PDB file of N, CA and C in Angstrom:
ATOM      1  N   MET A   1     101.784  43.944  88.223  1.00  0.00           N
ATOM      2  CA  MET A   1     101.381  44.813  87.130  1.00  0.00           C
ATOM      3  C   MET A   1     101.014  46.184  87.668  1.00  0.00           C
ATOM      4  N   MET A   2     101.635  47.203  87.115  1.00  0.00           N
ATOM      5  CA  MET A   2     101.364  48.567  87.559  1.00  0.00           C
ATOM      6  C   MET A   2     100.887  49.415  86.394  1.00  0.00           C
ATOM      7  N   ASN A   3      99.990  48.916  85.626  1.00  0.00           N
ATOM      8  CA  ASN A   3      99.499  49.681  84.484  1.00  0.00           C
ATOM      9  C   ASN A   3      98.643  50.864  84.909  1.00  0.00           C
ATOM     10  N   GLY A   4      97.876  50.742  85.969  1.00  0.00           N
ATOM     11  CA  GLY A   4      96.931  51.783  86.359  1.00  0.00           C
ATOM     12  C   GLY A   4      97.558  53.024  86.953  1.00  0.00           C
ATOM     13  N   TRP A   5      98.675  52.908  87.619  1.00  0.00           N
ATOM     14  CA  TRP A   5      99.220  54.067  88.322  1.00  0.00           C
ATOM     15  C   TRP A   5      99.788  55.119  87.386  1.00  0.00           C
ATOM     16  N   THR A   6     100.168  54.774  86.178  1.00  0.00           N
ATOM     17  CA  THR A   6     100.707  55.763  85.250  1.00  0.00           C
ATOM     18  C   THR A   6      99.624  56.695  84.733  1.00  0.00           C
ATOM     19  N   MET A   7      98.378  56.337  84.889  1.00  0.00           N
ATOM     20  CA  MET A   7      97.285  57.194  84.436  1.00  0.00           C
ATOM     21  C   MET A   7      97.131  58.429  85.318  1.00  0.00           C
ATOM     22  N   MET A   8      97.698  58.430  86.515  1.00  0.00           N
ATOM     23  CA  MET A   8      97.494  59.535  87.448  1.00  0.00           C
ATOM     24  C   MET A   8      98.635  60.549  87.415  1.00  0.00           C
ATOM     25  N   THR A   9      99.509  60.477  86.449  1.00  0.00           N
ATOM     26  CA  THR A   9     100.587  61.455  86.373  1.00  0.00           C
ATOM     27  C   THR A   9     100.054  62.726  85.741  1.00  0.00           C
ATOM     28  N   GLY A  10     100.685  63.838  86.046  1.00  0.00           N
ATOM     29  CA  GLY A  10     100.247  65.119  85.510  1.00  0.00           C
ATOM     30  C   GLY A  10      99.367  65.850  86.506  1.00  0.00           C
ATOM     31  N   TYR A  11      99.029  67.070  86.140  1.00  0.00           N
ATOM     32  CA  TYR A  11      98.240  67.913  87.029  1.00  0.00           C
ATOM     33  C   TYR A  11      96.903  68.207  86.387  1.00  0.00           C
ATOM     34  N   GLY A  12      95.869  68.081  87.161  1.00  0.00           N
ATOM     35  CA  GLY A  12      94.532  68.396  86.698  1.00  0.00           C
ATOM     36  C   GLY A  12      94.128  69.793  87.145  1.00  0.00           C
ATOM     37  N   PHE A  13      92.908  70.169  86.815  1.00  0.00           N
ATOM     38  CA  PHE A  13      92.396  71.491  87.156  1.00  0.00           C
ATOM     39  C   PHE A  13      92.374  71.703  88.669  1.00  0.00           C
ATOM     40  N   GLY A  14      91.986  70.691  89.415  1.00  0.00           N
ATOM     41  CA  GLY A  14      91.934  70.806  90.872  1.00  0.00           C
ATOM     42  C   GLY A  14      93.293  71.080  91.487  1.00  0.00           C
ATOM     43  N   HIS A  15      94.328  70.485  90.936  1.00  0.00           N
ATOM     44  CA  HIS A  15      95.681  70.729  91.433  1.00  0.00           C
ATOM     45  C   HIS A  15      96.076  72.189  91.227  1.00  0.00           C
ATOM     46  N   TRP A  16      95.741  72.747  90.081  1.00  0.00           N
ATOM     47  CA  TRP A  16      96.098  74.138  89.796  1.00  0.00           C
ATOM     48  C   TRP A  16      95.306  75.105  90.670  1.00  0.00           C
ATOM     49  N   VAL A  17      94.062  74.773  90.981  1.00  0.00           N
ATOM     50  CA  VAL A  17      93.265  75.621  91.874  1.00  0.00           C
ATOM     51  C   VAL A  17      93.876  75.625  93.276  1.00  0.00           C
ATOM     52  N   ILE A  18      94.240  74.459  93.769  1.00  0.00           N
ATOM     53  CA  ILE A  18      94.857  74.373  95.095  1.00  0.00           C
ATOM     54  C   ILE A  18      96.204  75.093  95.099  1.00  0.00           C
ATOM     55  N   PHE A  19      96.973  74.959  94.036  1.00  0.00           N
ATOM     56  CA  PHE A  19      98.258  75.661  93.939  1.00  0.00           C
ATOM     57  C   PHE A  19      98.044  77.173  93.955  1.00  0.00           C
ATOM     58  N   ALA A  20      97.070  77.666  93.195  1.00  0.00           N
ATOM     59  CA  ALA A  20      96.794  79.106  93.148  1.00  0.00           C
ATOM     60  C   ALA A  20      96.347  79.620  94.517  1.00  0.00           C
ATOM     61  N   LEU A  21      95.535  78.851  95.223  1.00  0.00           N
ATOM     62  CA  LEU A  21      95.115  79.250  96.567  1.00  0.00           C
ATOM     63  C   LEU A  21      96.293  79.288  97.529  1.00  0.00           C
ATOM     64  N   ALA A  22      97.163  78.304  97.446  1.00  0.00           N
ATOM     65  CA  ALA A  22      98.342  78.271  98.316  1.00  0.00           C
ATOM     66  C   ALA A  22      99.256  79.462  98.043  1.00  0.00           C
ATOM     67  N   VAL A  23      99.435  79.807  96.786  1.00  0.00           N
ATOM     68  CA  VAL A  23     100.259  80.963  96.431  1.00  0.00           C
ATOM     69  C   VAL A  23      99.637  82.247  96.978  1.00  0.00           C
ATOM     70  N   ALA A  24      98.322  82.395  96.831  1.00  0.00           N
ATOM     71  CA  ALA A  24      97.639  83.589  97.323  1.00  0.00           C
ATOM     72  C   ALA A  24      97.727  83.687  98.842  1.00  0.00           C
ATOM     73  N   ILE A  25      97.619  82.549  99.525  1.00  0.00           N
ATOM     74  CA  ILE A  25      97.691  82.546 100.985  1.00  0.00           C
ATOM     75  C   ILE A  25      99.078  82.968 101.466  1.00  0.00           C
ATOM     76  N   ILE A  26     100.099  82.705 100.681  1.00  0.00           N
ATOM     77  CA  ILE A  26     101.461  83.100 101.043  1.00  0.00           C
ATOM     78  C   ILE A  26     101.757  84.534 100.600  1.00  0.00           C
ATOM     79  N   ILE A  27     101.431  84.862  99.355  1.00  0.00           N
ATOM     80  CA  ILE A  27     101.817  86.143  98.769  1.00  0.00           C
ATOM     81  C   ILE A  27     101.097  87.330  99.416  1.00  0.00           C
ATOM     82  N   TYR A  28      99.811  87.204  99.689  1.00  0.00           N
ATOM     83  CA  TYR A  28      99.033  88.344 100.178  1.00  0.00           C
ATOM     84  C   TYR A  28      99.551  88.898 101.511  1.00  0.00           C
ATOM     85  N   PRO A  29      99.683  88.076 102.556  1.00  0.00           N
ATOM     86  CA  PRO A  29     100.156  88.662 103.817  1.00  0.00           C
ATOM     87  C   PRO A  29     101.606  89.145 103.755  1.00  0.00           C
ATOM     88  N   VAL A  30     102.442  88.460 102.996  1.00  0.00           N
ATOM     89  CA  VAL A  30     103.833  88.909 102.860  1.00  0.00           C
ATOM     90  C   VAL A  30     103.868  90.268 102.158  1.00  0.00           C
ATOM     91  N   GLY A  31     103.035  90.443 101.138  1.00  0.00           N
ATOM     92  CA  GLY A  31     102.955  91.735 100.448  1.00  0.00           C
ATOM     93  C   GLY A  31     102.478  92.848 101.366  1.00  0.00           C
ATOM     94  N   LYS A  32     101.491  92.566 102.211  1.00  0.00           N
ATOM     95  CA  LYS A  32     100.993  93.576 103.155  1.00  0.00           C
ATOM     96  C   LYS A  32     102.078  93.977 104.156  1.00  0.00           C
ATOM     97  N   ILE A  33     102.840  93.006 104.631  1.00  0.00           N
ATOM     98  CA  ILE A  33     103.928  93.312 105.562  1.00  0.00           C
ATOM     99  C   ILE A  33     104.984  94.168 104.873  1.00  0.00           C
ATOM    100  N   LEU A  34     105.319  93.827 103.636  1.00  0.00           N
ATOM    101  CA  LEU A  34     106.332  94.600 102.909  1.00  0.00           C
ATOM    102  C   LEU A  34     105.873  96.025 102.648  1.00  0.00           C
ATOM    103  N   ILE A  35     104.587  96.219 102.377  1.00  0.00           N
ATOM    104  CA  ILE A  35     104.067  97.575 102.182  1.00  0.00           C
ATOM    105  C   ILE A  35     104.235  98.385 103.468  1.00  0.00           C
ATOM    106  N   ARG A  36     103.933  97.780 104.603  1.00  0.00           N
ATOM    107  CA  ARG A  36     104.075  98.488 105.880  1.00  0.00           C
ATOM    108  C   ARG A  36     105.528  98.828 106.186  1.00  0.00           C
ATOM    109  N   LEU A  37     106.449  98.040 105.648  1.00  0.00           N
ATOM    110  CA  LEU A  37     107.869  98.314 105.861  1.00  0.00           C
ATOM    111  C   LEU A  37     108.437  99.290 104.833  1.00  0.00           C
ATOM    112  N   GLY A  38     107.627  99.655 103.850  1.00  0.00           N
ATOM    113  CA  GLY A  38     108.080 100.607 102.850  1.00  0.00           C
ATOM    114  C   GLY A  38     108.681  99.979 101.612  1.00  0.00           C
ATOM    115  N   PHE A  39     108.515  98.685 101.438  1.00  0.00           N
ATOM    116  CA  PHE A  39     109.029  97.985 100.269  1.00  0.00           C
ATOM    117  C   PHE A  39     107.911  97.744  99.271  1.00  0.00           C
ATOM    118  N   SER A  40     108.294  97.418  98.054  1.00  0.00           N
ATOM    119  CA  SER A  40     107.322  97.063  97.035  1.00  0.00           C
ATOM    120  C   SER A  40     106.740  95.683  97.346  1.00  0.00           C
ATOM    121  N   PRO A  41     105.426  95.514  97.175  1.00  0.00           N
ATOM    122  CA  PRO A  41     104.840  94.194  97.445  1.00  0.00           C
ATOM    123  C   PRO A  41     105.273  93.127  96.439  1.00  0.00           C
ATOM    124  N   PHE A  42     105.861  93.540  95.335  1.00  0.00           N
ATOM    125  CA  PHE A  42     106.324  92.565  94.346  1.00  0.00           C
ATOM    126  C   PHE A  42     107.484  91.723  94.876  1.00  0.00           C
ATOM    127  N   TRP A  43     108.152  92.204  95.933  1.00  0.00           N
ATOM    128  CA  TRP A  43     109.214  91.416  96.545  1.00  0.00           C
ATOM    129  C   TRP A  43     108.668  90.166  97.219  1.00  0.00           C
ATOM    130  N   SER A  44     107.357  90.103  97.426  1.00  0.00           N
ATOM    131  CA  SER A  44     106.772  88.932  98.081  1.00  0.00           C
ATOM    132  C   SER A  44     106.874  87.677  97.219  1.00  0.00           C
ATOM    133  N   ILE A  45     107.167  87.834  95.937  1.00  0.00           N
ATOM    134  CA  ILE A  45     107.361  86.676  95.063  1.00  0.00           C
ATOM    135  C   ILE A  45     108.559  85.857  95.528  1.00  0.00           C
ATOM    136  N   LEU A  46     109.523  86.519  96.183  1.00  0.00           N
ATOM    137  CA  LEU A  46     110.690  85.791  96.692  1.00  0.00           C
ATOM    138  C   LEU A  46     110.298  84.770  97.754  1.00  0.00           C
ATOM    139  N   ALA A  47     109.141  84.944  98.376  1.00  0.00           N
ATOM    140  CA  ALA A  47     108.694  83.994  99.401  1.00  0.00           C
ATOM    141  C   ALA A  47     108.406  82.624  98.810  1.00  0.00           C
ATOM    142  N   LEU A  48     108.273  82.526  97.504  1.00  0.00           N
ATOM    143  CA  LEU A  48     107.971  81.257  96.848  1.00  0.00           C
ATOM    144  C   LEU A  48     109.211  80.514  96.366  1.00  0.00           C
ATOM    145  N   ILE A  49     110.368  81.179  96.380  1.00  0.00           N
ATOM    146  CA  ILE A  49     111.598  80.580  95.856  1.00  0.00           C
ATOM    147  C   ILE A  49     112.492  80.205  97.041  1.00  0.00           C
ATOM    148  N   PRO A  50     112.668  78.911  97.293  1.00  0.00           N
ATOM    149  CA  PRO A  50     113.308  78.471  98.537  1.00  0.00           C
ATOM    150  C   PRO A  50     114.630  79.129  98.928  1.00  0.00           C
ATOM    151  N   PRO A  51     115.664  79.217  98.141  1.00  0.00           N
ATOM    152  CA  PRO A  51     116.879  79.837  98.684  1.00  0.00           C
ATOM    153  C   PRO A  51     116.696  81.328  98.947  1.00  0.00           C
ATOM    154  N   PHE A  52     115.905  81.988  98.115  1.00  0.00           N
ATOM    155  CA  PHE A  52     115.735  83.435  98.245  1.00  0.00           C
ATOM    156  C   PHE A  52     114.826  83.809  99.404  1.00  0.00           C
ATOM    157  N   ASN A  53     113.870  82.943  99.757  1.00  0.00           N
ATOM    158  CA  ASN A  53     112.997  83.300 100.860  1.00  0.00           C
ATOM    159  C   ASN A  53     113.763  83.338 102.180  1.00  0.00           C
ATOM    160  N   LEU A  54     114.738  82.469 102.352  1.00  0.00           N
ATOM    161  CA  LEU A  54     115.542  82.517 103.575  1.00  0.00           C
ATOM    162  C   LEU A  54     116.445  83.744 103.601  1.00  0.00           C
ATOM    163  N   ILE A  55     117.017  84.080 102.466  1.00  0.00           N
ATOM    164  CA  ILE A  55     117.856  85.284 102.398  1.00  0.00           C
ATOM    165  C   ILE A  55     117.020  86.530 102.671  1.00  0.00           C
ATOM    166  N   ALA A  56     115.838  86.607 102.053  1.00  0.00           N
ATOM    167  CA  ALA A  56     114.960  87.762 102.261  1.00  0.00           C
ATOM    168  C   ALA A  56     114.510  87.848 103.711  1.00  0.00           C
ATOM    169  N   LEU A  57     114.250  86.709 104.345  1.00  0.00           N
ATOM    170  CA  LEU A  57     113.847  86.705 105.748  1.00  0.00           C
ATOM    171  C   LEU A  57     114.956  87.245 106.638  1.00  0.00           C
ATOM    172  N   TRP A  58     116.192  86.859 106.365  1.00  0.00           N
ATOM    173  CA  TRP A  58     117.318  87.383 107.137  1.00  0.00           C
ATOM    174  C   TRP A  58     117.530  88.875 106.896  1.00  0.00           C
ATOM    175  N   VAL A  59     117.364  89.303 105.648  1.00  0.00           N
ATOM    176  CA  VAL A  59     117.503  90.737 105.356  1.00  0.00           C
ATOM    177  C   VAL A  59     116.443  91.526 106.121  1.00  0.00           C
ATOM    178  N   LEU A  60     115.204  91.058 106.100  1.00  0.00           N
ATOM    179  CA  LEU A  60     114.143  91.751 106.830  1.00  0.00           C
ATOM    180  C   LEU A  60     114.382  91.737 108.333  1.00  0.00           C
ATOM    181  N   ALA A  61     114.964  90.683 108.839  1.00  0.00           N
ATOM    182  CA  ALA A  61     115.229  90.604 110.272  1.00  0.00           C
ATOM    183  C   ALA A  61     116.330  91.562 110.702  1.00  0.00           C
ATOM    184  N   LEU A  62     117.253  91.874 109.800  1.00  0.00           N
ATOM    185  CA  LEU A  62     118.420  92.672 110.184  1.00  0.00           C
ATOM    186  C   LEU A  62     118.344  94.145 109.791  1.00  0.00           C
ATOM    187  N   ILE A  63     117.339  94.554 109.010  1.00  0.00           N
ATOM    188  CA  ILE A  63     117.240  95.967 108.638  1.00  0.00           C
ATOM    189  C   ILE A  63     116.605  96.763 109.771  1.00  0.00           C
ATOM    190  N   ASP A  64     116.759  98.092 109.706  1.00  0.00           N
ATOM    191  CA  ASP A  64     116.084  98.972 110.658  1.00  0.00           C
ATOM    192  C   ASP A  64     114.625  99.098 110.247  1.00  0.00           C
ATOM    193  N   TRP A  65     113.737  98.751 111.163  1.00  0.00           N
ATOM    194  CA  TRP A  65     112.308  98.826 110.891  1.00  0.00           C
ATOM    195  C   TRP A  65     111.802 100.218 111.233  1.00  0.00           C
ATOM    196  N   PRO A  66     110.730 100.640 110.575  1.00  0.00           N
ATOM    197  CA  PRO A  66     110.170 101.954 110.919  1.00  0.00           C
ATOM    198  C   PRO A  66     109.599 101.941 112.339  1.00  0.00           C
ATOM    199  N   GLU A  67     109.530 103.130 112.929  1.00  0.00           N
ATOM    200  CA  GLU A  67     108.978 103.258 114.276  1.00  0.00           C
ATOM    201  C   GLU A  67     107.519 102.824 114.295  1.00  0.00           C
ATOM    202  N   ALA A  68     107.091 102.302 115.423  1.00  0.00           N
ATOM    203  CA  ALA A  68     105.680 101.929 115.566  1.00  0.00           C
ATOM    204  C   ALA A  68     104.829 103.189 115.478  1.00  0.00           C
ATOM    205  N   GLY A  69     103.833 103.162 114.646  1.00  0.00           N
ATOM    206  CA  GLY A  69     102.964 104.314 114.459  1.00  0.00           C
ATOM    207  C   GLY A  69     103.469 105.283 113.402  1.00  0.00           C
ATOM    208  N   ALA A  70     104.659 105.053 112.863  1.00  0.00           N
ATOM    209  CA  ALA A  70     105.198 105.950 111.843  1.00  0.00           C
ATOM    210  C   ALA A  70     104.543 105.724 110.487  1.00  0.00           C
ATOM    211  N   TYR A  71     103.955 104.562 110.314  1.00  0.00           N
ATOM    212  CA  TYR A  71     103.310 104.241 109.034  1.00  0.00           C
ATOM    213  C   TYR A  71     101.983 104.963 108.944  1.00  0.00           C
ATOM    214  N   LYS A  72     101.823 105.752 107.908  1.00  0.00           N
ATOM    215  CA  LYS A  72     100.559 106.426 107.660  1.00  0.00           C
ATOM    216  C   LYS A  72     100.177 106.160 106.213  1.00  0.00           C
ATOM    217  N   PRO A  73      99.069 105.457 106.004  1.00  0.00           N
ATOM    218  CA  PRO A  73      98.673 105.176 104.624  1.00  0.00           C
ATOM    219  C   PRO A  73      98.353 106.457 103.877  1.00  0.00           C
ATOM    220  N   ALA A  74      98.589 106.434 102.583  1.00  0.00           N
ATOM    221  CA  ALA A  74      98.312 107.604 101.750  1.00  0.00           C
ATOM    222  C   ALA A  74      96.811 107.858 101.708  1.00  0.00           C
ATOM    223  N   LYS A  75      96.460 109.131 101.804  1.00  0.00           N
ATOM    224  CA  LYS A  75      95.041 109.490 101.728  1.00  0.00           C
ATOM    225  C   LYS A  75      94.629 109.507 100.269  1.00  0.00           C
ATOM    226  N   PRO A  76      93.439 108.992  99.988  1.00  0.00           N
ATOM    227  CA  PRO A  76      92.986 109.022  98.583  1.00  0.00           C
ATOM    228  C   PRO A  76      92.716 110.442  98.135  1.00  0.00           C
ATOM    229  N   LYS A  77      93.082 110.724  96.909  1.00  0.00           N
ATOM    230  CA  LYS A  77      92.863 112.057  96.352  1.00  0.00           C
ATOM    231  C   LYS A  77      91.422 112.155  95.861  1.00  0.00           C
ATOM    232  N   VAL A  78      90.752 113.174  96.338  1.00  0.00           N
ATOM    233  CA  VAL A  78      89.363 113.398  95.932  1.00  0.00           C
ATOM    234  C   VAL A  78      89.370 114.452  94.832  1.00  0.00           C
ATOM    235  N   PRO A  79      88.805 114.136  93.670  1.00  0.00           N
ATOM    236  CA  PRO A  79      88.831 115.134  92.577  1.00  0.00           C
ATOM    237  C   PRO A  79      87.921 116.305  92.835  1.00  0.00           C
TER     238      PRO A  79
END
């Protein structure tokens, strides 16, 4: 008899919290790297989609990277 195991199907609040943390742990550093390379951080969403993350990784590996020290963050405008 396996009546009890069907009660555990579905996702609870704890599962969604762990999923959100896992997404943040992946998206944040990938976004920071993309900003340093001059890309939009929104491209980091591709890191979550399996076929596209490998393609994006190969594209990043084969493009010309900026020179070391060439990255200068924008200075905040003081009113």
